[in-house]
């Protein structure tokens, strides 16, 4: 749509928010205040923009939010339990959000085990959790990347120490559950 979407962190009496800018002039088109959901958290939200609109998560809160391109709220998950729960380090922070061609949202937490939860296109229905054990590698800033076909699986970009990694998890949503390429249920 020729727009640039930026996630901005909050502070004292300031909520994190999403700002939409005109991609040609840089003019601010609208801002969406996320304080109702994320308080005054200083970290910026993670944003994914698709033809369906914007999908947002915040690293210090478990709610997933879907906005239209005009900044209207489409849906928000009813409870944090729809997302992932806690990771292997006892944290429930969420880093990164991705959306596939079918409207399923993929969200995840970092740690020694990467967890990825899948939400339906309406913000409900956490299907399963994928845990990826990476011996000796602590992951952070994990971002799910979804290829174009429903059976392509998930790609994550992460950093372990000073070394960047990209790794593939051959799971996808099919018929309401996550299955691997050999059709085994996870």
N, C-alpha and C. Protein backbone atom coordinates (compact mmCIF):
# COMPACT_ATOMS: atom_id res chain seq x y z
N UNK A 1 0.81 -1.21 0.00
CA UNK A 1 0.00 0.00 0.00
C UNK A 1 0.85 1.26 0.00
N UNK A 2 2.17 1.14 -0.18
CA UNK A 2 3.02 2.32 -0.19
C UNK A 2 3.24 2.92 1.17
N UNK A 3 3.09 2.13 2.22
CA UNK A 3 3.25 2.62 3.58
C UNK A 3 4.40 1.92 4.28
N UNK A 4 4.95 2.61 5.27
CA UNK A 4 5.99 2.05 6.12
C UNK A 4 5.41 1.96 7.53
N UNK A 5 5.52 0.79 8.16
CA UNK A 5 5.00 0.59 9.50
C UNK A 5 6.16 0.41 10.47
N UNK A 6 6.14 1.18 11.55
CA UNK A 6 7.24 1.19 12.51
C UNK A 6 6.69 0.90 13.90
N UNK A 7 7.35 -0.02 14.61
CA UNK A 7 7.01 -0.27 16.00
C UNK A 7 7.90 0.58 16.90
N UNK A 8 7.29 1.32 17.83
CA UNK A 8 8.02 2.23 18.71
C UNK A 8 7.77 1.83 20.16
N UNK A 9 8.84 1.79 20.94
CA UNK A 9 8.72 1.44 22.35
C UNK A 9 8.14 2.56 23.18
N UNK A 10 7.73 2.22 24.39
CA UNK A 10 7.13 3.19 25.30
C UNK A 10 8.10 3.64 26.37
N UNK A 11 7.56 4.15 27.47
CA UNK A 11 8.35 4.66 28.58
C UNK A 11 7.41 5.14 29.67
N UNK A 12 7.89 6.02 30.55
CA UNK A 12 7.03 6.56 31.60
C UNK A 12 5.88 7.34 30.99
N UNK A 13 4.67 6.86 31.26
CA UNK A 13 3.44 7.49 30.77
C UNK A 13 3.33 7.48 29.25
N UNK A 14 4.13 6.66 28.59
CA UNK A 14 4.08 6.55 27.13
C UNK A 14 3.95 5.08 26.78
N UNK A 15 2.98 4.75 25.97
CA UNK A 15 2.75 3.36 25.58
C UNK A 15 3.51 3.03 24.29
N UNK A 16 3.90 1.77 24.11
CA UNK A 16 4.42 1.39 22.80
C UNK A 16 3.33 1.56 21.76
N UNK A 17 3.72 1.77 20.51
CA UNK A 17 2.72 2.05 19.48
C UNK A 17 3.24 1.65 18.11
N UNK A 18 2.34 1.66 17.17
CA UNK A 18 2.66 1.44 15.77
C UNK A 18 2.39 2.74 15.03
N UNK A 19 3.33 3.15 14.21
CA UNK A 19 3.19 4.37 13.42
C UNK A 19 3.21 3.98 11.95
N UNK A 20 2.25 4.49 11.20
CA UNK A 20 2.18 4.28 9.75
C UNK A 20 2.63 5.55 9.04
N UNK A 21 3.61 5.40 8.15
CA UNK A 21 4.13 6.53 7.41
C UNK A 21 3.86 6.35 5.93
N UNK A 22 3.66 7.46 5.24
CA UNK A 22 3.56 7.43 3.79
C UNK A 22 4.94 7.09 3.24
N UNK A 23 5.00 6.07 2.39
CA UNK A 23 6.28 5.61 1.88
C UNK A 23 6.97 6.58 0.94
N UNK A 24 6.25 7.56 0.42
CA UNK A 24 6.84 8.52 -0.50
C UNK A 24 7.25 9.81 0.22
N UNK A 25 6.35 10.35 1.04
CA UNK A 25 6.60 11.64 1.67
C UNK A 25 7.14 11.52 3.09
N UNK A 26 6.94 10.38 3.75
CA UNK A 26 7.35 10.23 5.14
C UNK A 26 6.36 10.81 6.12
N UNK A 27 5.23 11.31 5.61
CA UNK A 27 4.20 11.90 6.47
C UNK A 27 3.55 10.82 7.33
N UNK A 28 3.29 11.16 8.60
CA UNK A 28 2.61 10.23 9.50
C UNK A 28 1.13 10.14 9.11
N UNK A 29 0.67 8.93 8.82
CA UNK A 29 -0.71 8.72 8.42
C UNK A 29 -1.60 8.40 9.61
N UNK A 30 -1.09 7.58 10.52
CA UNK A 30 -1.82 7.27 11.75
C UNK A 30 -0.89 6.61 12.76
N UNK A 31 -1.32 6.64 14.03
CA UNK A 31 -0.61 5.95 15.10
C UNK A 31 -1.62 5.10 15.86
N UNK A 32 -1.17 3.92 16.30
CA UNK A 32 -2.04 3.05 17.10
C UNK A 32 -1.36 2.83 18.45
N UNK A 33 -2.02 3.29 19.51
CA UNK A 33 -1.51 3.18 20.87
C UNK A 33 -1.79 1.77 21.40
N UNK A 34 -0.72 1.07 21.84
CA UNK A 34 -0.84 -0.30 22.32
C UNK A 34 -0.86 -0.38 23.85
N UNK A 35 -1.04 0.75 24.51
CA UNK A 35 -1.00 0.78 25.97
C UNK A 35 -2.05 -0.08 26.65
N UNK A 36 -3.21 -0.21 26.04
CA UNK A 36 -4.27 -1.04 26.61
C UNK A 36 -3.83 -2.49 26.75
N UNK A 37 -2.95 -2.92 25.87
CA UNK A 37 -2.53 -4.32 25.85
C UNK A 37 -1.15 -4.52 26.45
N UNK A 38 -0.23 -3.54 26.28
CA UNK A 38 1.15 -3.72 26.68
C UNK A 38 1.65 -2.71 27.70
N UNK A 39 0.78 -1.86 28.22
CA UNK A 39 1.19 -0.91 29.25
C UNK A 39 2.20 0.09 28.73
N UNK A 40 3.26 0.31 29.52
CA UNK A 40 4.29 1.30 29.17
C UNK A 40 5.62 0.62 28.85
N UNK A 41 5.57 -0.60 28.34
CA UNK A 41 6.78 -1.36 28.09
C UNK A 41 7.72 -0.61 27.14
N UNK A 42 9.01 -0.58 27.47
CA UNK A 42 9.94 0.21 26.64
C UNK A 42 10.30 -0.43 25.31
N UNK A 43 10.19 -1.75 25.19
CA UNK A 43 10.58 -2.40 23.94
C UNK A 43 9.53 -2.18 22.86
N UNK A 44 9.95 -2.07 21.60
CA UNK A 44 8.98 -1.90 20.51
C UNK A 44 8.32 -3.23 20.17
N UNK A 45 7.13 -3.20 19.58
CA UNK A 45 6.47 -4.42 19.16
C UNK A 45 7.08 -4.97 17.88
N UNK A 46 6.93 -6.29 17.69
CA UNK A 46 7.29 -6.91 16.43
C UNK A 46 6.09 -6.82 15.50
N UNK A 47 6.32 -6.50 14.24
CA UNK A 47 5.23 -6.27 13.29
C UNK A 47 5.49 -7.08 12.01
N UNK A 48 4.44 -7.67 11.50
CA UNK A 48 4.47 -8.25 10.16
C UNK A 48 3.33 -7.63 9.36
N UNK A 49 3.62 -7.14 8.16
CA UNK A 49 2.60 -6.55 7.29
C UNK A 49 2.34 -7.49 6.13
N UNK A 50 1.07 -7.78 5.88
CA UNK A 50 0.67 -8.60 4.74
C UNK A 50 -0.45 -7.90 4.00
N UNK A 51 -0.95 -8.54 2.95
CA UNK A 51 -2.08 -7.96 2.23
C UNK A 51 -3.33 -7.91 3.08
N UNK A 52 -3.38 -8.70 4.17
CA UNK A 52 -4.53 -8.70 5.06
C UNK A 52 -4.46 -7.62 6.13
N UNK A 53 -3.29 -7.00 6.31
CA UNK A 53 -3.14 -5.99 7.34
C UNK A 53 -1.87 -6.20 8.13
N UNK A 54 -1.87 -5.73 9.40
CA UNK A 54 -0.70 -5.81 10.26
C UNK A 54 -0.95 -6.81 11.38
N UNK A 55 0.11 -7.55 11.73
CA UNK A 55 0.06 -8.47 12.85
C UNK A 55 1.16 -8.03 13.82
N UNK A 56 0.82 -7.98 15.09
CA UNK A 56 1.71 -7.38 16.07
C UNK A 56 1.83 -8.26 17.30
N UNK A 57 3.05 -8.36 17.84
CA UNK A 57 3.32 -8.98 19.13
C UNK A 57 4.29 -8.07 19.86
N UNK A 58 4.31 -8.18 21.20
CA UNK A 58 5.26 -7.41 21.98
C UNK A 58 6.11 -8.36 22.80
N UNK A 59 7.42 -8.15 22.89
CA UNK A 59 8.25 -9.10 23.62
C UNK A 59 7.95 -9.21 25.10
N UNK A 60 7.25 -8.24 25.68
CA UNK A 60 6.94 -8.29 27.10
C UNK A 60 5.48 -8.60 27.38
N UNK A 61 4.77 -9.11 26.39
CA UNK A 61 3.38 -9.49 26.58
C UNK A 61 2.97 -10.50 25.54
N UNK A 62 2.00 -11.34 25.87
CA UNK A 62 1.67 -12.45 25.01
C UNK A 62 0.53 -12.25 24.05
N UNK A 63 -0.05 -11.05 23.97
CA UNK A 63 -1.20 -10.86 23.10
C UNK A 63 -0.77 -10.67 21.64
N UNK A 64 -1.50 -11.30 20.75
CA UNK A 64 -1.33 -11.06 19.32
C UNK A 64 -2.45 -10.14 18.86
N UNK A 65 -2.12 -9.18 18.01
CA UNK A 65 -3.08 -8.17 17.58
C UNK A 65 -3.06 -8.09 16.06
N UNK A 66 -4.23 -8.01 15.46
CA UNK A 66 -4.35 -7.83 14.01
C UNK A 66 -5.03 -6.49 13.75
N UNK A 67 -4.36 -5.63 12.99
CA UNK A 67 -4.89 -4.33 12.60
C UNK A 67 -5.07 -4.29 11.09
N UNK A 68 -6.02 -3.48 10.64
CA UNK A 68 -6.16 -3.24 9.21
C UNK A 68 -5.06 -2.28 8.77
N UNK A 69 -4.91 -2.09 7.46
CA UNK A 69 -3.92 -1.15 6.95
C UNK A 69 -4.25 0.28 7.34
N UNK A 70 -5.51 0.52 7.71
CA UNK A 70 -5.93 1.85 8.13
C UNK A 70 -5.79 2.06 9.63
N UNK A 71 -5.33 1.02 10.36
CA UNK A 71 -5.15 1.15 11.80
C UNK A 71 -6.36 0.77 12.63
N UNK A 72 -7.31 0.04 12.06
CA UNK A 72 -8.48 -0.42 12.80
C UNK A 72 -8.21 -1.79 13.40
N UNK A 73 -8.64 -2.02 14.65
CA UNK A 73 -8.44 -3.30 15.31
C UNK A 73 -9.36 -4.34 14.69
N UNK A 74 -8.77 -5.43 14.19
CA UNK A 74 -9.54 -6.52 13.60
C UNK A 74 -9.81 -7.61 14.63
N UNK A 75 -8.74 -8.06 15.33
CA UNK A 75 -8.91 -9.00 16.44
C UNK A 75 -7.70 -8.94 17.35
N UNK A 76 -7.91 -9.42 18.57
CA UNK A 76 -6.84 -9.61 19.53
C UNK A 76 -7.11 -10.92 20.23
N UNK A 77 -6.06 -11.67 20.55
CA UNK A 77 -6.27 -12.93 21.26
C UNK A 77 -6.90 -12.65 22.60
N UNK A 78 -7.83 -13.51 23.01
CA UNK A 78 -8.58 -13.29 24.24
C UNK A 78 -7.70 -13.41 25.48
N UNK A 79 -6.68 -14.24 25.43
CA UNK A 79 -5.84 -14.48 26.58
C UNK A 79 -4.45 -14.88 26.13
N UNK A 80 -3.47 -14.62 27.00
CA UNK A 80 -2.09 -14.98 26.66
C UNK A 80 -1.92 -16.48 26.52
N UNK A 81 -2.81 -17.26 27.11
CA UNK A 81 -2.65 -18.71 27.03
C UNK A 81 -2.85 -19.23 25.61
N UNK A 82 -3.42 -18.41 24.73
CA UNK A 82 -3.56 -18.82 23.34
C UNK A 82 -2.21 -18.83 22.63
N UNK A 83 -1.23 -18.19 23.22
CA UNK A 83 0.04 -18.07 22.52
C UNK A 83 0.92 -19.27 22.82
N UNK A 84 1.84 -19.17 23.73
CA UNK A 84 2.83 -20.22 23.87
C UNK A 84 3.00 -20.71 25.29
N UNK A 85 2.79 -19.88 26.29
CA UNK A 85 3.17 -20.26 27.63
C UNK A 85 4.61 -19.86 27.88
N UNK A 86 5.32 -20.67 28.65
CA UNK A 86 6.69 -20.31 29.02
C UNK A 86 7.70 -21.13 28.22
N UNK A 87 8.85 -20.51 27.99
CA UNK A 87 9.90 -21.23 27.28
C UNK A 87 10.75 -22.03 28.27
N UNK A 88 11.84 -22.61 27.79
CA UNK A 88 12.64 -23.50 28.62
C UNK A 88 13.35 -22.78 29.76
N UNK A 89 13.44 -21.46 29.68
CA UNK A 89 14.07 -20.68 30.74
C UNK A 89 13.03 -20.10 31.70
N UNK A 90 11.77 -20.50 31.57
CA UNK A 90 10.74 -19.99 32.46
C UNK A 90 10.19 -18.63 32.09
N UNK A 91 10.53 -18.15 30.89
CA UNK A 91 10.03 -16.85 30.44
C UNK A 91 8.85 -17.03 29.50
N UNK A 92 8.01 -16.04 29.44
CA UNK A 92 6.91 -16.10 28.48
C UNK A 92 6.98 -14.94 27.49
N UNK A 93 8.15 -14.37 27.32
CA UNK A 93 8.31 -13.30 26.34
C UNK A 93 8.11 -13.85 24.94
N UNK A 94 7.65 -13.02 24.05
CA UNK A 94 7.44 -13.44 22.67
C UNK A 94 8.26 -12.56 21.76
N UNK A 95 9.02 -13.17 20.87
CA UNK A 95 9.84 -12.42 19.93
C UNK A 95 9.48 -12.88 18.52
N UNK A 96 8.98 -11.96 17.72
CA UNK A 96 8.74 -12.28 16.33
C UNK A 96 7.34 -12.79 16.06
N UNK A 97 6.84 -12.45 14.89
CA UNK A 97 5.54 -12.93 14.44
C UNK A 97 5.60 -13.04 12.93
N UNK A 98 5.03 -14.09 12.39
CA UNK A 98 4.97 -14.28 10.95
C UNK A 98 3.59 -14.78 10.57
N UNK A 99 3.19 -14.54 9.35
CA UNK A 99 1.87 -14.95 8.88
C UNK A 99 2.04 -15.64 7.53
N UNK A 100 1.40 -16.81 7.36
CA UNK A 100 1.54 -17.50 6.08
C UNK A 100 0.41 -17.11 5.13
N UNK A 101 0.41 -17.75 3.96
CA UNK A 101 -0.54 -17.37 2.91
C UNK A 101 -1.98 -17.72 3.27
N UNK A 102 -2.18 -18.54 4.31
CA UNK A 102 -3.53 -18.93 4.72
C UNK A 102 -4.03 -18.12 5.90
N UNK A 103 -3.23 -17.17 6.38
CA UNK A 103 -3.65 -16.33 7.49
C UNK A 103 -3.31 -16.86 8.86
N UNK A 104 -2.57 -17.97 8.95
CA UNK A 104 -2.15 -18.48 10.25
C UNK A 104 -0.98 -17.65 10.76
N UNK A 105 -1.03 -17.26 12.04
CA UNK A 105 0.03 -16.48 12.65
C UNK A 105 0.96 -17.40 13.42
N UNK A 106 2.26 -17.21 13.24
CA UNK A 106 3.27 -17.99 13.94
C UNK A 106 4.02 -17.06 14.89
N UNK A 107 4.05 -17.40 16.18
CA UNK A 107 4.73 -16.58 17.18
C UNK A 107 5.64 -17.48 17.98
N UNK A 108 6.67 -16.91 18.59
CA UNK A 108 7.67 -17.77 19.22
C UNK A 108 8.38 -17.10 20.37
N UNK A 109 9.08 -17.92 21.18
CA UNK A 109 9.91 -17.42 22.26
C UNK A 109 11.33 -17.92 22.06
N UNK A 110 12.31 -17.17 22.57
CA UNK A 110 13.69 -17.63 22.49
C UNK A 110 14.05 -18.47 23.70
N UNK A 111 15.27 -18.95 23.74
CA UNK A 111 15.76 -19.75 24.87
C UNK A 111 16.60 -20.89 24.35
N UNK A 112 16.80 -21.90 25.18
CA UNK A 112 17.54 -23.08 24.73
C UNK A 112 16.66 -23.98 23.88
N UNK A 113 15.36 -23.86 24.03
CA UNK A 113 14.42 -24.53 23.14
C UNK A 113 13.54 -23.45 22.52
N UNK A 114 13.50 -23.44 21.21
CA UNK A 114 12.65 -22.48 20.52
C UNK A 114 11.23 -23.03 20.51
N UNK A 115 10.26 -22.22 20.87
CA UNK A 115 8.87 -22.64 20.82
C UNK A 115 8.13 -21.79 19.81
N UNK A 116 7.26 -22.42 19.07
CA UNK A 116 6.48 -21.70 18.08
C UNK A 116 5.03 -22.10 18.21
N UNK A 117 4.15 -21.15 18.47
CA UNK A 117 2.72 -21.41 18.54
C UNK A 117 2.05 -20.91 17.28
N UNK A 118 0.94 -21.52 16.93
CA UNK A 118 0.23 -21.18 15.70
C UNK A 118 -1.19 -20.77 16.04
N UNK A 119 -1.58 -19.59 15.57
CA UNK A 119 -2.92 -19.07 15.79
C UNK A 119 -3.70 -19.12 14.49
N UNK A 120 -4.99 -19.37 14.59
CA UNK A 120 -5.84 -19.33 13.41
C UNK A 120 -6.00 -17.92 12.89
N UNK A 121 -6.57 -17.76 11.70
CA UNK A 121 -6.72 -16.43 11.10
C UNK A 121 -7.59 -15.48 11.90
N UNK A 122 -8.39 -16.00 12.86
CA UNK A 122 -9.24 -15.14 13.67
C UNK A 122 -8.62 -14.82 15.02
N UNK A 123 -7.37 -15.22 15.23
CA UNK A 123 -6.72 -14.93 16.50
C UNK A 123 -6.96 -15.97 17.57
N UNK A 124 -7.63 -17.05 17.23
CA UNK A 124 -7.91 -18.11 18.19
C UNK A 124 -7.31 -19.42 17.70
N UNK A 125 -7.31 -20.39 18.58
CA UNK A 125 -6.97 -21.74 18.16
C UNK A 125 -5.50 -22.03 18.10
N UNK A 126 -4.80 -22.01 19.23
CA UNK A 126 -3.42 -22.44 19.25
C UNK A 126 -3.39 -23.93 18.97
N UNK A 127 -2.83 -24.32 17.82
CA UNK A 127 -2.91 -25.71 17.42
C UNK A 127 -1.93 -26.58 18.21
N UNK A 128 -0.66 -26.31 18.10
CA UNK A 128 0.36 -27.11 18.76
C UNK A 128 1.55 -26.22 19.06
N UNK A 129 2.52 -26.77 19.74
CA UNK A 129 3.77 -26.06 20.00
C UNK A 129 4.91 -26.87 19.43
N UNK A 130 5.76 -26.22 18.67
CA UNK A 130 6.96 -26.85 18.14
C UNK A 130 8.11 -26.50 19.08
N UNK A 131 8.83 -27.51 19.55
CA UNK A 131 10.03 -27.25 20.32
C UNK A 131 11.23 -27.74 19.53
N UNK A 132 12.17 -26.86 19.32
CA UNK A 132 13.38 -27.20 18.60
C UNK A 132 14.53 -27.16 19.58
N UNK A 133 15.11 -28.31 19.89
CA UNK A 133 16.26 -28.37 20.79
C UNK A 133 17.52 -28.07 19.99
N UNK A 134 18.27 -27.09 20.44
CA UNK A 134 19.51 -26.72 19.77
C UNK A 134 20.65 -26.84 20.77
N UNK A 135 21.24 -28.03 20.92
CA UNK A 135 22.27 -28.24 21.94
C UNK A 135 23.44 -27.27 21.80
N UNK A 136 23.76 -26.62 22.89
CA UNK A 136 24.90 -25.71 22.91
C UNK A 136 24.63 -24.36 22.29
N UNK A 137 23.43 -24.12 21.80
CA UNK A 137 23.12 -22.85 21.14
C UNK A 137 21.92 -22.21 21.82
N UNK A 138 22.15 -21.09 22.45
CA UNK A 138 21.07 -20.33 23.03
C UNK A 138 20.56 -19.36 21.97
N UNK A 139 19.30 -19.41 21.66
CA UNK A 139 18.75 -18.58 20.60
C UNK A 139 18.11 -17.32 21.16
N UNK A 140 18.13 -16.27 20.38
CA UNK A 140 17.49 -15.02 20.76
C UNK A 140 17.08 -14.31 19.48
N UNK A 141 16.20 -13.33 19.62
CA UNK A 141 15.70 -12.57 18.46
C UNK A 141 15.23 -13.53 17.37
N UNK A 142 14.41 -14.47 17.76
CA UNK A 142 13.95 -15.48 16.81
C UNK A 142 12.78 -14.92 16.01
N UNK A 143 12.86 -15.04 14.70
CA UNK A 143 11.81 -14.53 13.84
C UNK A 143 11.35 -15.64 12.91
N UNK A 144 10.08 -16.03 12.96
CA UNK A 144 9.63 -17.07 12.03
C UNK A 144 9.47 -16.49 10.63
N UNK A 145 9.94 -17.24 9.66
CA UNK A 145 9.78 -16.83 8.27
C UNK A 145 9.01 -17.93 7.55
N UNK A 146 7.97 -17.57 6.85
CA UNK A 146 7.08 -18.54 6.24
C UNK A 146 7.26 -18.49 4.73
N UNK A 147 7.50 -19.63 4.12
CA UNK A 147 7.57 -19.67 2.67
C UNK A 147 6.17 -19.65 2.07
N UNK A 148 6.09 -19.60 0.75
CA UNK A 148 4.82 -19.38 0.08
C UNK A 148 3.85 -20.53 0.09
N UNK A 149 4.34 -21.78 0.13
CA UNK A 149 3.45 -22.93 0.05
C UNK A 149 3.16 -23.48 1.44
N UNK A 150 1.98 -24.07 1.60
CA UNK A 150 1.57 -24.50 2.93
C UNK A 150 2.41 -25.64 3.49
N UNK A 151 3.15 -26.35 2.65
CA UNK A 151 3.96 -27.46 3.13
C UNK A 151 5.44 -27.14 3.19
N UNK A 152 5.81 -25.87 3.03
CA UNK A 152 7.22 -25.51 2.98
C UNK A 152 7.90 -25.52 4.34
N UNK A 153 7.16 -25.37 5.43
CA UNK A 153 7.77 -25.34 6.75
C UNK A 153 8.14 -23.95 7.20
N UNK A 154 8.82 -23.88 8.33
CA UNK A 154 9.17 -22.62 8.96
C UNK A 154 10.68 -22.41 8.91
N UNK A 155 11.07 -21.17 8.69
CA UNK A 155 12.47 -20.80 8.71
C UNK A 155 12.68 -19.76 9.81
N UNK A 156 13.69 -19.97 10.64
CA UNK A 156 13.97 -19.05 11.73
C UNK A 156 15.33 -18.40 11.51
N UNK A 157 15.40 -17.12 11.85
CA UNK A 157 16.67 -16.40 11.85
C UNK A 157 16.99 -16.09 13.31
N UNK A 158 18.20 -16.42 13.73
CA UNK A 158 18.55 -16.23 15.13
C UNK A 158 20.03 -15.89 15.25
N UNK A 159 20.45 -15.56 16.44
CA UNK A 159 21.86 -15.30 16.72
C UNK A 159 22.26 -16.10 17.94
N UNK A 160 23.36 -16.81 17.86
CA UNK A 160 23.93 -17.51 18.99
C UNK A 160 25.28 -16.89 19.28
N UNK A 161 25.38 -16.08 20.33
CA UNK A 161 26.60 -15.31 20.53
C UNK A 161 26.72 -14.26 19.46
N UNK A 162 27.82 -14.25 18.74
CA UNK A 162 28.02 -13.27 17.67
C UNK A 162 27.80 -13.87 16.29
N UNK A 163 27.31 -15.10 16.25
CA UNK A 163 27.18 -15.79 14.97
C UNK A 163 25.71 -15.88 14.58
N UNK A 164 25.33 -15.41 13.38
CA UNK A 164 23.94 -15.56 12.94
C UNK A 164 23.68 -16.96 12.41
N UNK A 165 22.46 -17.44 12.62
CA UNK A 165 22.06 -18.75 12.14
C UNK A 165 20.71 -18.64 11.44
N UNK A 166 20.54 -19.46 10.43
CA UNK A 166 19.22 -19.66 9.83
C UNK A 166 18.97 -21.16 9.87
N UNK A 167 17.82 -21.56 10.43
CA UNK A 167 17.54 -22.99 10.44
C UNK A 167 16.09 -23.24 10.06
N UNK A 168 15.86 -24.42 9.56
CA UNK A 168 14.57 -24.79 8.99
C UNK A 168 13.91 -25.85 9.85
N UNK A 169 12.62 -25.67 10.09
CA UNK A 169 11.82 -26.67 10.80
C UNK A 169 10.74 -27.13 9.84
N UNK A 170 10.75 -28.39 9.41
CA UNK A 170 9.82 -28.84 8.37
C UNK A 170 8.43 -29.17 8.91
N UNK A 171 7.81 -28.18 9.54
CA UNK A 171 6.46 -28.35 10.06
C UNK A 171 5.56 -27.30 9.43
N UNK A 172 4.31 -27.63 9.34
CA UNK A 172 3.36 -26.69 8.78
C UNK A 172 1.98 -26.99 9.33
N UNK A 173 1.08 -26.05 9.18
CA UNK A 173 -0.31 -26.28 9.57
C UNK A 173 -1.03 -26.95 8.40
N UNK A 174 -1.66 -28.07 8.69
CA UNK A 174 -2.44 -28.76 7.68
C UNK A 174 -3.62 -29.43 8.38
N UNK A 175 -4.82 -29.11 7.95
CA UNK A 175 -6.02 -29.71 8.52
C UNK A 175 -6.11 -29.51 10.03
N UNK A 176 -5.74 -28.30 10.49
CA UNK A 176 -5.96 -27.97 11.88
C UNK A 176 -4.93 -28.48 12.85
N UNK A 177 -3.82 -29.01 12.39
CA UNK A 177 -2.77 -29.47 13.28
C UNK A 177 -1.43 -29.30 12.60
N UNK A 178 -0.37 -29.26 13.39
CA UNK A 178 0.96 -29.17 12.82
C UNK A 178 1.49 -30.56 12.59
N UNK A 179 1.95 -30.84 11.39
CA UNK A 179 2.50 -32.15 11.06
C UNK A 179 3.86 -31.96 10.42
N UNK A 180 4.71 -32.98 10.50
CA UNK A 180 5.98 -32.89 9.80
C UNK A 180 5.83 -33.49 8.41
N UNK A 181 6.90 -33.51 7.67
CA UNK A 181 6.82 -33.97 6.28
C UNK A 181 6.44 -35.43 6.17
N UNK A 182 6.70 -36.20 7.23
CA UNK A 182 6.36 -37.62 7.22
C UNK A 182 4.97 -37.89 7.80
N UNK A 183 4.22 -36.82 8.05
CA UNK A 183 2.85 -36.91 8.54
C UNK A 183 2.75 -37.37 10.00
N UNK A 184 3.82 -37.27 10.76
CA UNK A 184 3.75 -37.59 12.19
C UNK A 184 3.23 -36.38 12.94
N UNK A 185 2.32 -36.59 13.87
CA UNK A 185 1.78 -35.50 14.67
C UNK A 185 2.83 -35.00 15.66
N UNK A 186 2.92 -33.70 15.84
CA UNK A 186 3.83 -33.14 16.86
C UNK A 186 3.00 -32.72 18.05
